[in-house]
Protein backbone atom coordinates (compact mmCIF):
# COMPACT_ATOMS: atom_id res chain seq x y z
CA MET A 1 0.00 0.00 0.00
CA SER A 2 1.39 3.39 -1.01
CA ALA A 3 1.92 6.32 1.35
CA TYR A 4 -1.02 8.08 -0.33
CA GLN A 5 -3.31 5.11 0.27
CA HIS A 6 -2.25 4.93 3.91
CA MET A 7 -2.94 8.64 4.37
CA ARG A 8 -6.31 8.37 2.66
CA ARG A 9 -7.28 5.45 4.91
CA TYR A 10 -6.28 7.34 8.05
CA LEU A 11 -8.16 10.48 6.99
CA TYR A 12 -11.36 8.58 6.33
CA ARG A 13 -11.17 6.67 9.60
CA ALA A 14 -10.43 9.86 11.53
CA GLN A 15 -14.00 10.92 10.76
CA ARG A 16 -15.20 8.35 13.28
CA LEU A 17 -13.16 9.89 16.05
CA LEU A 18 -14.90 13.24 15.55
CA ASP A 19 -18.21 11.68 16.60
CA ILE A 20 -17.53 11.99 20.35
CA PRO A 21 -20.91 10.64 21.59
CA ALA A 22 -20.52 7.54 19.40
CA VAL A 23 -16.98 6.98 20.66
CA LEU A 24 -18.09 7.23 24.30
CA GLU A 25 -20.96 4.82 23.65
CA LEU A 26 -18.56 2.41 21.96
CA LEU A 27 -16.29 2.45 25.02
CA GLN A 28 -19.25 1.66 27.29
CA PHE A 29 -20.24 -1.31 25.18
CA ARG A 30 -16.63 -2.46 24.98
CA ASP A 31 -16.64 -2.71 28.77
CA LEU A 32 -19.95 -4.58 28.57
CA SER A 33 -18.47 -7.06 26.09
CA ARG A 34 -15.46 -7.65 28.32
CA ALA A 35 -17.71 -8.33 31.29
CA PHE A 36 -19.78 -10.80 29.28
CA TYR A 37 -16.80 -12.74 27.95
CA SER A 38 -15.11 -12.81 31.35
CA GLY A 39 -18.13 -14.63 32.77
CA PHE A 40 -18.51 -16.73 29.62
CA TRP A 41 -14.97 -18.13 29.81
CA GLN A 42 -15.09 -18.68 33.55
CA ASP A 43 -18.35 -20.62 33.26
CA SER A 44 -17.06 -22.61 30.29
CA ALA A 45 -13.84 -23.52 32.12
CA THR A 46 -15.70 -24.56 35.26
CA SER A 47 -17.95 -26.90 33.27
CA LEU A 48 -14.80 -28.70 32.05
CA GLY A 49 -13.10 -28.87 35.43
CA ALA A 50 -10.51 -26.33 34.26
CA SER A 51 -9.22 -23.25 36.03
CA CYS A 52 -9.68 -19.76 34.61
CA GLU A 53 -7.29 -16.98 35.56
CA VAL A 54 -8.02 -13.37 34.68
CA TRP A 55 -4.97 -11.79 33.09
CA GLU A 56 -4.36 -8.16 32.19
CA PHE A 57 -5.24 -6.50 28.87
CA GLY A 58 -8.42 -8.53 28.47
CA TYR A 59 -6.85 -11.99 28.45
CA HIS A 60 -7.97 -15.07 30.35
CA ARG A 61 -5.73 -18.11 30.88
CA ILE A 62 -7.57 -21.41 31.11
CA ALA A 63 -5.68 -24.49 32.33
CA ARG A 64 -6.32 -28.20 32.70
CA SER A 65 -4.07 -31.27 33.08
CA GLY A 66 -0.78 -29.54 32.34
CA LEU A 67 -2.14 -27.59 29.37
CA SER A 68 -3.34 -24.01 29.18
CA THR A 69 -4.72 -21.73 26.54
CA LEU A 70 -5.15 -17.97 26.26
CA VAL A 71 -8.38 -16.36 25.12
CA ARG A 72 -9.46 -12.75 24.70
CA GLY A 73 -13.05 -11.83 23.98
CA SER A 74 -14.20 -14.29 21.36
CA GLY A 75 -10.63 -14.83 20.16
CA VAL A 76 -8.90 -18.20 20.57
CA ARG A 77 -5.59 -19.61 19.36
CA LEU A 78 -6.61 -21.59 16.31
CA ASP A 79 -6.34 -19.67 13.02
CA ASP A 80 -3.24 -17.68 12.03
CA HIS A 81 -3.19 -13.94 11.41
CA LEU A 82 -2.90 -14.34 7.64
CA ILE A 83 -6.13 -16.32 7.31
CA LEU A 84 -7.85 -13.83 9.63
CA ALA A 85 -6.77 -10.93 7.42
CA LEU A 86 -7.64 -12.80 4.22
CA MET A 87 -11.18 -13.69 5.30
CA GLY A 88 -11.58 -10.12 6.57
CA ASN A 89 -11.28 -8.88 2.99
CA LYS A 90 -14.72 -9.29 1.43
CA LEU A 91 -13.55 -9.13 -2.18
CA LEU A 92 -10.89 -11.82 -1.72
CA THR A 93 -13.35 -13.96 0.23
CA TYR A 94 -15.78 -13.85 -2.70
CA ARG A 95 -12.96 -14.90 -5.04
CA LEU A 96 -12.18 -17.88 -2.85
CA LEU A 97 -15.84 -18.85 -2.62
CA ALA A 98 -16.16 -18.67 -6.40
CA GLU A 99 -13.06 -20.87 -6.79
CA GLN A 100 -14.83 -23.45 -4.63
CA GLY A 101 -17.71 -23.46 -7.10
CA LEU A 102 -20.09 -21.47 -4.92
CA ASP A 103 -22.42 -18.70 -6.03
CA VAL A 104 -21.66 -15.26 -4.66
CA PRO A 105 -23.62 -12.00 -4.89
CA ARG A 106 -22.94 -9.97 -8.02
CA HIS A 107 -20.55 -7.30 -6.86
CA VAL A 108 -18.13 -4.55 -7.90
CA ARG A 109 -15.33 -2.66 -6.24
CA CYS A 110 -15.70 1.10 -5.87
CA THR A 111 -14.70 4.13 -3.81
CA PRO A 112 -16.57 7.23 -2.56
CA THR A 113 -14.99 9.22 -5.38
CA ASN A 114 -15.70 6.61 -8.08
CA LEU A 115 -19.16 5.12 -7.75
CA GLU A 116 -19.65 4.52 -11.45
CA PRO A 117 -19.17 0.72 -11.13
CA ALA A 118 -21.89 0.65 -8.48
CA HIS A 119 -24.23 2.75 -10.65
CA ARG A 120 -23.74 0.32 -13.55
CA LEU A 121 -24.38 -2.70 -11.32
CA MET A 122 -27.58 -1.16 -9.94
CA ALA A 123 -28.82 -0.50 -13.47
CA GLU A 124 -27.89 -3.99 -14.68
CA ILE A 125 -29.52 -6.04 -11.94
CA GLY A 126 -32.54 -3.84 -11.22
CA LYS A 127 -32.39 -4.77 -7.55
CA PRO A 128 -31.38 -2.93 -4.35
CA LEU A 129 -27.68 -2.78 -3.56
CA VAL A 130 -25.70 -3.23 -0.38
CA ILE A 131 -22.64 -1.04 0.24
CA LYS A 132 -20.02 -2.21 2.71
CA PRO A 133 -16.38 -1.48 3.61
CA MET A 134 -14.00 -3.81 1.79
CA SER A 135 -12.11 -4.88 4.90
CA GLY A 136 -11.05 -4.03 8.42
CA THR A 137 -14.49 -4.23 10.00
CA GLY A 138 -16.76 -6.72 11.72
CA GLY A 139 -20.23 -6.86 13.13
CA GLY A 140 -21.81 -5.15 10.15
CA GLN A 141 -19.97 -1.86 10.70
CA GLY A 142 -20.43 0.58 7.84
CA VAL A 143 -22.96 -1.60 5.99
CA THR A 144 -26.01 -0.06 4.32
CA THR A 145 -28.75 -2.09 2.64
CA GLY A 146 -31.72 -1.19 0.48
CA ILE A 147 -29.90 1.22 -1.85
CA THR A 148 -32.06 2.02 -4.88
CA ASP A 149 -30.95 5.43 -6.17
CA ALA A 150 -27.92 7.62 -6.69
CA LYS A 151 -28.54 9.78 -3.63
CA SER A 152 -28.75 6.87 -1.20
CA LEU A 153 -25.71 5.32 -2.89
CA ARG A 154 -23.61 8.45 -2.26
CA ARG A 155 -24.73 8.63 1.36
CA ALA A 156 -24.01 4.95 1.95
CA ALA A 157 -20.58 5.25 0.37
CA ARG A 158 -19.68 8.21 2.60
CA PHE A 159 -20.81 6.25 5.65
CA ALA A 160 -18.90 3.08 4.68
CA SER A 161 -15.75 5.08 3.90
CA ARG A 162 -15.47 6.02 7.58
CA PHE A 163 -14.33 2.43 8.07
CA ASP A 164 -12.49 1.76 4.80
CA PRO A 165 -12.24 3.96 1.66
CA ASP A 166 -12.20 0.79 -0.46
CA LEU A 167 -15.82 -0.29 -0.86
CA LEU A 168 -17.82 -3.23 -2.17
CA ALA A 169 -21.20 -2.77 -3.83
CA GLU A 170 -23.22 -5.95 -4.22
CA GLU A 171 -26.73 -7.13 -5.00
CA GLN A 172 -29.03 -7.47 -2.03
CA ILE A 173 -29.93 -11.11 -1.44
CA GLU A 174 -33.34 -11.83 0.02
CA GLY A 175 -33.74 -14.25 2.89
CA ALA A 176 -33.16 -14.63 6.60
CA SER A 177 -29.69 -14.31 8.11
CA TYR A 178 -28.11 -17.46 9.56
CA ARG A 179 -24.84 -18.07 11.39
CA LEU A 180 -23.40 -21.60 11.16
CA LEU A 181 -20.50 -22.24 13.55
CA TYR A 182 -17.86 -24.78 12.50
CA LEU A 183 -14.96 -26.16 14.53
CA ASP A 184 -12.40 -28.14 12.51
CA GLY A 185 -15.05 -28.94 9.94
CA GLU A 186 -17.78 -29.95 12.41
CA LEU A 187 -21.00 -27.96 12.66
CA ILE A 188 -21.49 -27.23 16.36
CA ASP A 189 -24.29 -24.68 16.26
CA ALA A 190 -26.63 -22.76 13.94
CA VAL A 191 -28.61 -19.63 14.75
CA ARG A 192 -31.13 -17.55 12.80
CA ARG A 193 -30.47 -13.89 13.45
CA ASP A 194 -33.49 -11.67 12.88
CA PRO A 195 -33.27 -7.88 12.45
CA PRO A 196 -33.46 -5.71 15.58
CA ARG A 197 -36.94 -4.58 16.59
CA LEU A 198 -38.52 -2.51 19.31
CA VAL A 199 -41.99 -2.34 20.84
CA ALA A 200 -43.46 1.17 20.84
CA ASP A 201 -44.96 2.72 23.98
CA GLY A 202 -47.18 5.19 22.13
CA LYS A 203 -45.40 8.29 23.41
CA SER A 204 -41.71 7.96 22.49
CA THR A 205 -40.12 8.63 19.12
CA ILE A 206 -38.16 5.85 17.46
CA ARG A 207 -34.95 7.70 18.34
CA GLN A 208 -36.00 7.81 22.00
CA LEU A 209 -36.97 4.14 21.94
CA MET A 210 -33.50 3.30 20.65
CA LYS A 211 -31.85 5.28 23.41
CA LEU A 212 -33.97 3.48 26.03
CA GLU A 213 -33.04 0.14 24.49
CA ASN A 214 -29.33 0.96 24.61
CA ARG A 215 -29.65 1.94 28.26
CA ARG A 216 -31.32 -1.40 29.00
CA ARG A 217 -28.54 -3.23 27.16
CA LEU A 218 -25.89 -1.50 29.23
CA THR A 219 -27.51 -1.84 32.65
CA GLY A 220 -29.83 -4.84 32.43
CA ARG A 221 -28.92 -8.37 33.43
CA PRO A 222 -28.79 -11.01 32.18
CA PHE A 223 -26.95 -9.72 29.11
CA THR A 224 -29.09 -9.25 26.02
CA ALA A 225 -26.71 -7.61 23.50
CA LEU A 226 -23.10 -6.47 23.28
CA ARG A 227 -23.55 -3.71 20.71
CA PRO A 228 -25.55 -0.48 20.74
CA LEU A 229 -28.51 -0.11 18.43
CA ARG A 230 -27.54 2.76 16.14
CA LEU A 231 -29.51 5.11 13.95
CA ASP A 232 -27.06 4.71 11.08
CA ARG A 233 -27.56 4.98 7.33
CA ASP A 234 -29.01 1.45 7.14
CA ALA A 235 -31.61 2.26 9.79
CA GLN A 236 -32.54 5.53 8.12
CA ASN A 237 -32.96 3.79 4.76
CA TYR A 238 -35.06 0.99 6.23
CA LEU A 239 -37.32 3.27 8.21
CA ALA A 240 -37.85 5.61 5.26
CA ALA A 241 -38.78 2.67 3.04
CA HIS A 242 -41.54 1.88 5.52
CA GLY A 243 -42.81 5.44 5.81
CA LEU A 244 -41.06 6.14 9.11
CA SER A 245 -38.27 8.31 10.47
CA SER A 246 -36.40 8.64 13.74
CA SER A 247 -38.96 11.24 14.88
CA SER A 248 -41.99 9.00 14.24
CA ILE A 249 -44.09 8.00 17.26
CA PRO A 250 -45.59 4.55 16.57
CA ALA A 251 -48.73 3.40 18.33
CA ALA A 252 -48.40 1.63 21.67
CA GLY A 253 -47.64 -2.05 21.25
CA GLU A 254 -46.55 -1.71 17.62
CA VAL A 255 -43.44 -3.74 16.79
CA ILE A 256 -40.94 -1.70 14.78
CA VAL A 257 -38.12 -3.32 12.81
CA ILE A 258 -35.29 -0.80 12.97
CA LYS A 259 -32.97 -1.92 10.19
CA ARG A 260 -32.29 -4.77 7.81
CA ALA A 261 -28.74 -5.53 9.02
CA VAL A 262 -28.88 -7.98 11.93
CA ASN A 263 -25.62 -7.37 13.78
CA GLU A 264 -27.13 -5.02 16.36
CA ASN A 265 -30.02 -7.27 17.32
CA SER A 266 -30.57 -8.69 20.80
CA ALA A 267 -31.14 -12.11 22.35
CA ALA A 268 -34.85 -11.93 21.61
CA GLU A 269 -34.09 -11.99 17.86
CA ASN A 270 -31.65 -14.93 17.88
CA HIS A 271 -33.09 -18.44 17.45
CA VAL A 272 -31.35 -21.83 17.49
CA VAL A 273 -31.89 -23.79 14.25
CA ARG A 274 -29.33 -26.62 14.56
CA SER A 275 -31.91 -29.30 13.85
CA GLU A 276 -33.34 -27.41 10.87
CA VAL A 277 -30.19 -27.06 8.73
CA HIS A 278 -30.42 -29.29 5.67
CA PRO A 279 -27.71 -32.01 5.73
CA ALA A 280 -26.46 -30.94 2.29
CA THR A 281 -26.00 -27.35 3.49
CA ALA A 282 -24.20 -28.49 6.65
CA ALA A 283 -21.89 -30.70 4.57
CA LEU A 284 -21.27 -27.92 2.06
CA GLY A 285 -20.16 -25.57 4.83
CA ALA A 286 -17.93 -28.24 6.38
CA LYS A 287 -16.21 -28.96 3.06
CA LEU A 288 -15.73 -25.24 2.40
CA VAL A 289 -14.02 -24.39 5.70
CA GLN A 290 -11.83 -27.49 5.46
CA ASN A 291 -10.80 -26.69 1.88
CA LEU A 292 -9.92 -23.13 2.89
CA GLY A 293 -8.08 -24.24 6.02
CA VAL A 294 -10.25 -22.26 8.43
CA ARG A 295 -10.48 -24.05 11.77
CA LEU A 296 -13.01 -21.90 13.65
CA ALA A 297 -15.49 -20.34 11.24
CA GLY A 298 -18.81 -18.57 11.48
CA LEU A 299 -20.44 -18.93 8.09
CA ASP A 300 -23.06 -16.27 7.37
CA LEU A 301 -25.84 -17.42 5.08
CA LEU A 302 -28.69 -15.45 3.53
CA CYS A 303 -31.33 -18.08 2.93
CA ARG A 304 -35.07 -18.31 2.33
CA ASP A 305 -35.45 -21.81 3.82
CA ILE A 306 -32.59 -23.32 5.84
CA SER A 307 -34.33 -26.72 5.79
CA GLN A 308 -33.76 -26.92 2.01
CA PRO A 309 -30.44 -27.29 0.13
CA LEU A 310 -28.52 -24.09 -0.50
CA THR A 311 -29.01 -23.04 -4.12
CA ARG A 312 -28.88 -19.62 -5.73
CA ALA A 313 -32.68 -19.55 -5.72
CA ASN A 314 -32.73 -20.37 -2.00
CA GLY A 315 -29.72 -18.37 -0.81
CA LEU A 316 -25.95 -18.31 -0.55
CA ILE A 317 -22.97 -17.91 1.76
CA SER A 318 -22.29 -14.22 2.26
CA GLU A 319 -19.30 -14.18 4.62
CA ILE A 320 -16.76 -16.33 6.47
CA ASN A 321 -16.04 -14.98 9.95
CA THR A 322 -12.73 -16.23 11.31
CA THR A 323 -13.12 -14.68 14.77
CA PRO A 324 -16.83 -15.42 15.09
CA GLY A 325 -18.66 -13.80 17.96
CA LEU A 326 -19.43 -16.65 20.33
CA HIS A 327 -22.04 -14.53 22.07
CA HIS A 328 -24.38 -15.02 19.10
CA HIS A 329 -24.82 -18.60 20.34
CA VAL A 330 -25.32 -17.60 23.98
CA LEU A 331 -27.54 -14.53 23.76
CA ILE A 332 -30.54 -16.32 22.28
CA ALA A 333 -34.28 -16.37 22.85
CA ASP A 334 -34.57 -20.09 23.62
CA GLN A 335 -31.96 -20.60 26.33
CA HIS A 336 -32.89 -24.23 26.91
CA ASN A 337 -31.66 -24.94 23.37
CA ALA A 338 -28.31 -23.20 23.71
CA ALA A 339 -25.17 -25.08 22.68
CA ALA A 340 -22.30 -25.02 25.17
CA VAL A 341 -20.01 -23.51 22.54
CA GLY A 342 -17.41 -22.33 25.07
CA ALA A 343 -17.04 -25.74 26.69
CA ILE A 344 -17.05 -27.47 23.28
CA LEU A 345 -14.31 -25.18 22.04
CA LEU A 346 -12.11 -25.47 25.14
CA GLY A 347 -12.56 -29.24 25.27
CA HIS A 348 -11.47 -29.49 21.64
CA LEU A 349 -8.37 -27.37 22.28
CA PHE A 350 -7.27 -29.53 25.20
CA GLU A 351 -8.13 -32.85 23.56
CA THR A 352 -6.29 -32.03 20.32
CA SER A 353 -3.50 -29.97 21.97
CA SER A 354 -4.32 -27.16 19.55
CA GLY A 355 -3.54 -23.57 20.48
CA VAL A 356 -2.28 -24.61 23.92
CA ILE A 357 0.73 -23.95 26.11
CA ARG A 358 2.37 -26.92 27.82
CA THR A 359 2.73 -25.70 31.37
CA ASP A 360 5.14 -28.50 32.31
CA ALA A 361 7.86 -26.90 30.15
CA ALA A 362 9.10 -24.80 33.07
CA GLU A 363 9.51 -27.95 35.21
CA ALA A 364 11.56 -29.59 32.46
CA ALA A 365 13.93 -26.63 32.00
CA PRO A 366 16.23 -27.38 35.00
CA ALA A 367 16.64 -30.96 33.87
CA ILE A 368 17.50 -29.87 30.34
CA ALA A 369 20.09 -27.41 31.65
CA ALA A 370 21.64 -30.05 33.93
CA ALA A 371 21.99 -32.39 30.96
CA GLY A 372 23.90 -29.75 29.02
CA GLY A 373 20.99 -28.48 26.97
CA GLY A 374 20.96 -24.97 28.42
CA SER A 375 22.12 -21.66 26.96
CA ARG A 376 25.28 -21.60 24.82
CA ASN A 377 25.89 -17.87 25.31
CA ASP A 378 29.27 -18.64 27.02
CA ALA A 379 30.75 -20.17 23.90
């Protein structure tokens, strides 16, 4: 990357720092996420008979039978940094999916200053577009759906460029959003993630309802969400398409879907569907992650009917998350159906000796030195 490209990237991202209220809110939710994952890992370790030690800088060290592993947030020691960066680039991910013989959304690369490719795509397909940052984001940051005209395209591009000036414009695929979680090629959980929604009280505006919801997320227990619900470009587009705005006051009891993107939803909108995934779809995902060498993967699918095979008419794989948020499988509506993803993951690490530290190495060091295997710095 050239010096100019680096400077351009920094200038675009600096726009986010100027939004002081958003930055402060982000810090509050970052603390919330740390609190959730601290309890998550401690509970998961206890269920396996392992110890869990809180380290500094957000790390936890989990130990059992002479082995330990380090975790931080939803991050574990399985996939290398190169595969994380590669799967974080949406354009390159689509190329890899296409190489595997899979359908991908029709898409083009563009920038805020050159949206002509996106204009041509919108004219060619005659369907709404989605604009998203090319890389460097997660959790749906900077994504806008439902783009149907030049004005909304420009606005979405400006919004996405706050995260990455390199953008991807793609056709909007209809269907529900699913997250399939794979561990070394085995499907361990599947969740349908519905868009965020609120229930009106008959006196508050949608903006006020969102603020109340964020306050509940921060202070309420048990945890219901780890991200704030934001009135971003996607929300504004979605509300406008349904004759609403942030200042609308819906009738009491009315359920309002806030946006199409699902990443800011809460536990009430997440539903376990492990038993509903068609065997061919489960096998397709397993083969894909194994072929690509991704050990822990959250496959995002946009699908009309998860109980049917995945075809272009029914849906497709939209993303491969290599540091998948494990909370998506914990913060769910039907708790009795929850998979013990933390315990499954830790058990797999210890049983396969993957991503672990052998804590008996320190005990062996004196013996190695006594046998003449110590430092040779005196040579």
